[in-house]
């Protein structure tokens, strides 16, 4: 596989984050509605989930595994750089979906 293949997963995550941001901008669901509230609503769960990951790694439950789609860059042993990006995407997309349903129910 060409060298860029190692960046496909991270690139896909970043592309998806941009997509969430565009939906957010278009419908004013998160950061464009209330930046402070959105940042808190994303940051707290990401910190919790990273703490959960660190605990699982320390207990030997979670491990990185081998994949040709990962960059190979690690933030800590067994914690790839893609993990916090994925968790941010997970929390941001959840915020967007929740806000969209809430906005729809209010109307």
N, C-alpha and C. Protein backbone atom coordinates (compact mmCIF):
# COMPACT_ATOMS: atom_id res chain seq x y z
N UNK A 1 0.85 -1.18 0.00
CA UNK A 1 0.00 0.00 0.00
C UNK A 1 0.89 1.24 0.00
N UNK A 2 0.51 2.27 -0.73
CA UNK A 2 1.33 3.49 -0.74
C UNK A 2 1.42 4.11 0.64
N UNK A 3 2.41 4.98 0.82
CA UNK A 3 2.66 5.59 2.12
C UNK A 3 1.46 6.34 2.67
N UNK A 4 0.66 6.96 1.81
CA UNK A 4 -0.50 7.72 2.30
C UNK A 4 -1.56 6.81 2.90
N UNK A 5 -1.49 5.52 2.66
CA UNK A 5 -2.46 4.58 3.21
C UNK A 5 -2.47 4.56 4.72
N UNK A 6 -1.33 4.91 5.32
CA UNK A 6 -1.24 4.94 6.78
C UNK A 6 -1.99 6.12 7.38
N UNK A 7 -2.37 7.06 6.54
CA UNK A 7 -3.06 8.27 7.01
C UNK A 7 -4.54 8.27 6.65
N UNK A 8 -5.03 7.19 6.02
CA UNK A 8 -6.42 7.16 5.56
C UNK A 8 -7.44 7.28 6.70
N UNK A 9 -7.24 6.56 7.76
CA UNK A 9 -8.18 6.57 8.88
C UNK A 9 -8.22 7.95 9.53
N UNK A 10 -7.05 8.50 9.83
CA UNK A 10 -7.00 9.84 10.42
C UNK A 10 -7.59 10.86 9.47
N UNK A 11 -7.29 10.75 8.18
CA UNK A 11 -7.87 11.65 7.18
C UNK A 11 -9.38 11.53 7.13
N UNK A 12 -9.89 10.31 7.22
CA UNK A 12 -11.34 10.11 7.22
C UNK A 12 -12.00 10.71 8.46
N UNK A 13 -11.33 10.58 9.61
CA UNK A 13 -11.86 11.18 10.83
C UNK A 13 -11.90 12.70 10.72
N UNK A 14 -10.81 13.29 10.22
CA UNK A 14 -10.76 14.74 10.07
C UNK A 14 -11.78 15.23 9.04
N UNK A 15 -11.94 14.48 7.95
CA UNK A 15 -12.94 14.81 6.94
C UNK A 15 -14.34 14.79 7.55
N UNK A 16 -14.60 13.81 8.40
CA UNK A 16 -15.90 13.70 9.06
C UNK A 16 -16.12 14.83 10.06
N UNK A 17 -15.06 15.24 10.75
CA UNK A 17 -15.18 16.38 11.66
C UNK A 17 -15.53 17.66 10.90
N UNK A 18 -14.93 17.83 9.73
CA UNK A 18 -15.26 18.98 8.89
C UNK A 18 -16.72 18.91 8.47
N UNK A 19 -17.19 17.71 8.12
CA UNK A 19 -18.60 17.53 7.77
C UNK A 19 -19.52 17.90 8.92
N UNK A 20 -19.18 17.48 10.12
CA UNK A 20 -19.97 17.85 11.30
C UNK A 20 -19.99 19.36 11.49
N UNK A 21 -18.83 19.98 11.31
CA UNK A 21 -18.74 21.44 11.47
C UNK A 21 -19.60 22.15 10.42
N UNK A 22 -19.65 21.64 9.21
CA UNK A 22 -20.48 22.25 8.16
C UNK A 22 -21.97 22.11 8.48
N UNK A 23 -22.36 20.94 8.96
CA UNK A 23 -23.76 20.74 9.37
C UNK A 23 -24.08 21.65 10.55
N UNK A 24 -23.16 21.73 11.49
CA UNK A 24 -23.31 22.60 12.65
C UNK A 24 -23.48 24.05 12.20
N UNK A 25 -22.65 24.50 11.29
CA UNK A 25 -22.72 25.88 10.79
C UNK A 25 -24.05 26.13 10.07
N UNK A 26 -24.44 25.20 9.24
CA UNK A 26 -25.67 25.36 8.44
C UNK A 26 -26.91 25.45 9.31
N UNK A 27 -27.00 24.61 10.33
CA UNK A 27 -28.21 24.54 11.14
C UNK A 27 -28.05 25.15 12.54
N UNK A 28 -26.87 25.69 12.84
CA UNK A 28 -26.60 26.34 14.13
C UNK A 28 -26.97 25.42 15.31
N UNK A 29 -26.33 24.25 15.34
CA UNK A 29 -26.69 23.23 16.32
C UNK A 29 -25.72 23.12 17.49
N UNK A 30 -24.49 23.51 17.32
CA UNK A 30 -23.49 23.30 18.36
C UNK A 30 -22.68 24.56 18.58
N UNK A 31 -21.50 24.59 18.00
CA UNK A 31 -20.59 25.72 18.19
C UNK A 31 -21.16 27.03 17.67
N UNK A 32 -21.94 26.98 16.62
CA UNK A 32 -22.51 28.21 16.07
C UNK A 32 -23.79 28.62 16.79
N UNK A 33 -24.24 27.80 17.71
CA UNK A 33 -25.37 28.15 18.57
C UNK A 33 -24.84 28.67 19.90
N UNK A 34 -23.94 27.91 20.52
CA UNK A 34 -23.31 28.31 21.79
C UNK A 34 -21.96 27.62 21.88
N UNK A 35 -20.91 28.36 21.54
CA UNK A 35 -19.57 27.79 21.47
C UNK A 35 -19.11 27.24 22.82
N UNK A 36 -19.36 27.97 23.89
CA UNK A 36 -18.91 27.53 25.21
C UNK A 36 -19.61 26.24 25.63
N UNK A 37 -20.92 26.20 25.46
CA UNK A 37 -21.68 25.00 25.84
C UNK A 37 -21.27 23.81 24.99
N UNK A 38 -21.05 24.03 23.70
CA UNK A 38 -20.65 22.94 22.81
C UNK A 38 -19.26 22.42 23.19
N UNK A 39 -18.35 23.32 23.49
CA UNK A 39 -16.99 22.90 23.88
C UNK A 39 -17.04 22.07 25.15
N UNK A 40 -17.84 22.49 26.11
CA UNK A 40 -17.97 21.73 27.37
C UNK A 40 -18.63 20.38 27.10
N UNK A 41 -19.67 20.38 26.26
CA UNK A 41 -20.40 19.14 25.97
C UNK A 41 -19.55 18.13 25.21
N UNK A 42 -18.52 18.58 24.55
CA UNK A 42 -17.62 17.68 23.84
C UNK A 42 -16.40 17.33 24.70
N UNK A 43 -15.84 18.32 25.35
CA UNK A 43 -14.60 18.12 26.10
C UNK A 43 -14.76 17.18 27.29
N UNK A 44 -15.81 17.34 28.06
CA UNK A 44 -15.99 16.49 29.25
C UNK A 44 -16.12 15.01 28.88
N UNK A 45 -16.97 14.64 27.91
CA UNK A 45 -17.02 13.21 27.56
C UNK A 45 -15.71 12.69 26.96
N UNK A 46 -15.01 13.52 26.17
CA UNK A 46 -13.73 13.07 25.60
C UNK A 46 -12.72 12.79 26.72
N UNK A 47 -12.66 13.67 27.70
CA UNK A 47 -11.76 13.45 28.83
C UNK A 47 -12.15 12.18 29.59
N UNK A 48 -13.44 12.00 29.82
CA UNK A 48 -13.90 10.78 30.50
C UNK A 48 -13.52 9.54 29.70
N UNK A 49 -13.76 9.56 28.40
CA UNK A 49 -13.48 8.38 27.57
C UNK A 49 -11.98 8.11 27.45
N UNK A 50 -11.17 9.16 27.40
CA UNK A 50 -9.72 8.95 27.39
C UNK A 50 -9.24 8.38 28.72
N UNK A 51 -9.84 8.83 29.82
CA UNK A 51 -9.52 8.26 31.13
C UNK A 51 -9.89 6.79 31.16
N UNK A 52 -11.03 6.48 30.59
CA UNK A 52 -11.49 5.09 30.48
C UNK A 52 -10.49 4.27 29.66
N UNK A 53 -10.03 4.84 28.54
CA UNK A 53 -9.03 4.17 27.71
C UNK A 53 -7.74 3.92 28.49
N UNK A 54 -7.26 4.94 29.20
CA UNK A 54 -6.04 4.77 29.97
C UNK A 54 -6.19 3.69 31.04
N UNK A 55 -7.35 3.63 31.67
CA UNK A 55 -7.60 2.59 32.67
C UNK A 55 -7.59 1.22 32.01
N UNK A 56 -8.26 1.10 30.88
CA UNK A 56 -8.29 -0.18 30.16
C UNK A 56 -6.91 -0.61 29.68
N UNK A 57 -6.11 0.36 29.25
CA UNK A 57 -4.74 0.05 28.83
C UNK A 57 -3.91 -0.41 30.02
N UNK A 58 -4.03 0.31 31.13
CA UNK A 58 -3.27 -0.05 32.35
C UNK A 58 -3.64 -1.44 32.86
N UNK A 59 -4.90 -1.83 32.70
CA UNK A 59 -5.34 -3.14 33.15
C UNK A 59 -5.08 -4.25 32.13
N UNK A 60 -4.56 -3.86 30.97
CA UNK A 60 -4.26 -4.84 29.93
C UNK A 60 -5.48 -5.29 29.15
N UNK A 61 -6.58 -4.54 29.25
CA UNK A 61 -7.81 -4.89 28.54
C UNK A 61 -7.80 -4.33 27.12
N UNK A 62 -7.35 -3.08 26.99
CA UNK A 62 -7.30 -2.42 25.68
C UNK A 62 -5.89 -2.48 25.13
N UNK A 63 -5.79 -2.72 23.84
CA UNK A 63 -4.50 -2.68 23.17
C UNK A 63 -4.71 -2.19 21.75
N UNK A 64 -3.66 -1.67 21.17
CA UNK A 64 -3.74 -1.00 19.88
C UNK A 64 -4.01 -1.96 18.73
N UNK A 65 -3.32 -3.04 18.68
CA UNK A 65 -3.45 -3.94 17.54
C UNK A 65 -2.72 -3.38 16.33
N UNK A 66 -2.60 -4.14 15.30
CA UNK A 66 -1.89 -3.69 14.10
C UNK A 66 -2.87 -3.40 13.00
N UNK A 67 -2.66 -2.29 12.33
CA UNK A 67 -3.50 -1.92 11.20
C UNK A 67 -2.68 -1.08 10.24
N UNK A 68 -2.87 -1.30 8.97
CA UNK A 68 -2.15 -0.52 7.96
C UNK A 68 -2.79 0.84 7.75
N UNK A 69 -3.97 1.06 8.31
CA UNK A 69 -4.64 2.35 8.15
C UNK A 69 -4.25 3.36 9.23
N UNK A 70 -3.61 2.92 10.29
CA UNK A 70 -3.20 3.82 11.36
C UNK A 70 -1.85 4.44 11.04
N UNK A 71 -1.62 5.65 11.55
CA UNK A 71 -0.36 6.34 11.29
C UNK A 71 0.82 5.69 11.99
N UNK A 72 0.56 5.02 13.10
CA UNK A 72 1.63 4.44 13.90
C UNK A 72 2.13 5.40 14.97
N UNK A 73 1.61 6.63 14.96
CA UNK A 73 1.98 7.60 15.98
C UNK A 73 1.20 7.33 17.25
N UNK A 74 1.89 7.32 18.37
CA UNK A 74 1.26 7.02 19.65
C UNK A 74 1.35 8.22 20.58
N UNK A 75 0.26 8.50 21.30
CA UNK A 75 0.27 9.53 22.33
C UNK A 75 0.78 8.97 23.65
N UNK A 76 0.56 7.70 23.84
CA UNK A 76 1.01 6.95 25.01
C UNK A 76 1.09 5.49 24.57
N UNK A 77 1.72 4.63 25.36
CA UNK A 77 1.73 3.22 24.96
C UNK A 77 0.31 2.70 24.72
N UNK A 78 0.12 2.09 23.58
CA UNK A 78 -1.17 1.50 23.18
C UNK A 78 -2.27 2.53 22.88
N UNK A 79 -1.94 3.83 22.82
CA UNK A 79 -2.94 4.85 22.53
C UNK A 79 -2.54 5.60 21.25
N UNK A 80 -3.15 5.21 20.12
CA UNK A 80 -2.81 5.88 18.86
C UNK A 80 -3.35 7.30 18.82
N UNK A 81 -2.72 8.14 18.03
CA UNK A 81 -3.12 9.54 17.89
C UNK A 81 -4.55 9.65 17.35
N UNK A 82 -5.01 8.64 16.66
CA UNK A 82 -6.36 8.66 16.10
C UNK A 82 -7.45 8.56 17.17
N UNK A 83 -7.13 8.01 18.33
CA UNK A 83 -8.15 7.77 19.36
C UNK A 83 -8.84 9.05 19.85
N UNK A 84 -8.10 10.09 20.27
CA UNK A 84 -8.81 11.30 20.70
C UNK A 84 -9.56 11.98 19.56
N UNK A 85 -9.07 11.85 18.35
CA UNK A 85 -9.78 12.42 17.20
C UNK A 85 -11.10 11.67 17.00
N UNK A 86 -11.05 10.34 17.09
CA UNK A 86 -12.27 9.54 16.98
C UNK A 86 -13.26 9.89 18.09
N UNK A 87 -12.77 10.01 19.31
CA UNK A 87 -13.66 10.33 20.43
C UNK A 87 -14.27 11.71 20.27
N UNK A 88 -13.51 12.65 19.76
CA UNK A 88 -14.05 13.98 19.49
C UNK A 88 -15.13 13.91 18.42
N UNK A 89 -14.89 13.15 17.36
CA UNK A 89 -15.91 12.97 16.32
C UNK A 89 -17.16 12.32 16.90
N UNK A 90 -16.99 11.31 17.72
CA UNK A 90 -18.12 10.62 18.34
C UNK A 90 -18.96 11.59 19.17
N UNK A 91 -18.30 12.38 20.00
CA UNK A 91 -19.02 13.32 20.87
C UNK A 91 -19.63 14.47 20.07
N UNK A 92 -18.92 14.97 19.07
CA UNK A 92 -19.43 16.08 18.26
C UNK A 92 -20.65 15.63 17.44
N UNK A 93 -20.56 14.47 16.83
CA UNK A 93 -21.70 13.99 16.04
C UNK A 93 -22.90 13.70 16.94
N UNK A 94 -22.66 13.20 18.14
CA UNK A 94 -23.74 12.99 19.09
C UNK A 94 -24.40 14.30 19.47
N UNK A 95 -23.58 15.33 19.71
CA UNK A 95 -24.11 16.66 20.02
C UNK A 95 -24.96 17.19 18.87
N UNK A 96 -24.50 17.02 17.65
CA UNK A 96 -25.23 17.49 16.47
C UNK A 96 -26.58 16.77 16.35
N UNK A 97 -26.57 15.46 16.48
CA UNK A 97 -27.81 14.68 16.37
C UNK A 97 -28.78 15.05 17.49
N UNK A 98 -28.29 15.12 18.73
CA UNK A 98 -29.13 15.47 19.86
C UNK A 98 -29.74 16.87 19.66
N UNK A 99 -28.90 17.82 19.27
CA UNK A 99 -29.38 19.19 19.07
C UNK A 99 -30.40 19.28 17.94
N UNK A 100 -30.19 18.50 16.89
CA UNK A 100 -31.13 18.51 15.77
C UNK A 100 -32.49 17.96 16.21
N UNK A 101 -32.49 16.85 16.95
CA UNK A 101 -33.75 16.30 17.45
C UNK A 101 -34.43 17.26 18.41
N UNK A 102 -33.65 17.88 19.28
CA UNK A 102 -34.20 18.84 20.23
C UNK A 102 -34.81 20.03 19.51
N UNK A 103 -34.10 20.55 18.52
CA UNK A 103 -34.61 21.67 17.74
C UNK A 103 -35.89 21.30 16.99
N UNK A 104 -35.91 20.09 16.48
CA UNK A 104 -37.09 19.61 15.73
C UNK A 104 -38.30 19.44 16.66
N UNK A 105 -38.06 18.93 17.87
CA UNK A 105 -39.16 18.73 18.82
C UNK A 105 -39.73 20.05 19.32
N UNK A 106 -38.88 21.06 19.44
CA UNK A 106 -39.33 22.36 19.91
C UNK A 106 -40.27 23.01 18.89
N UNK A 107 -40.01 22.76 17.59
CA UNK A 107 -40.86 23.35 16.56
C UNK A 107 -42.19 22.69 16.49
